[in-house]
Amino acid sequence: MAKTEVYSWRLDRDVKMGLEEQARRKGMTLAEFLDRTARHLIEEDRRQYDDDAEQARLHAAAAKCFGTLSGGGPCDSENVRALVRKKLREKYGR
């Protein structure tokens, strides 16, 4: 892809030196390193956003079942399997 845009900004000397060092270690020009780093950051943010949206969708779907089981109390985790099976039998006649 041809690069047509130019962006410039001021950096602390330490930041610039660190970026140049990283680029050298990876055998890239500073421009290549900055382009790659920016693309990586954009993709990570995009993945995080997509993951947040998926988690919200799953939470909304699961919310329909919140509070539908009742048992001996909040520490009744040993009986959840039996309660779920009982509810499924009642609902679907199995």
Foldseek 3Di string as FASTA:
>chain_A
DDDDDDDDDDDDPVVVVVLCVVCVVVVHHSVVSVVVVVVVVVVVVVVVVVVVVVVVVVCVVCVVCPPVFDDDDPVVVVCPVVRVVVVCCVVVVD
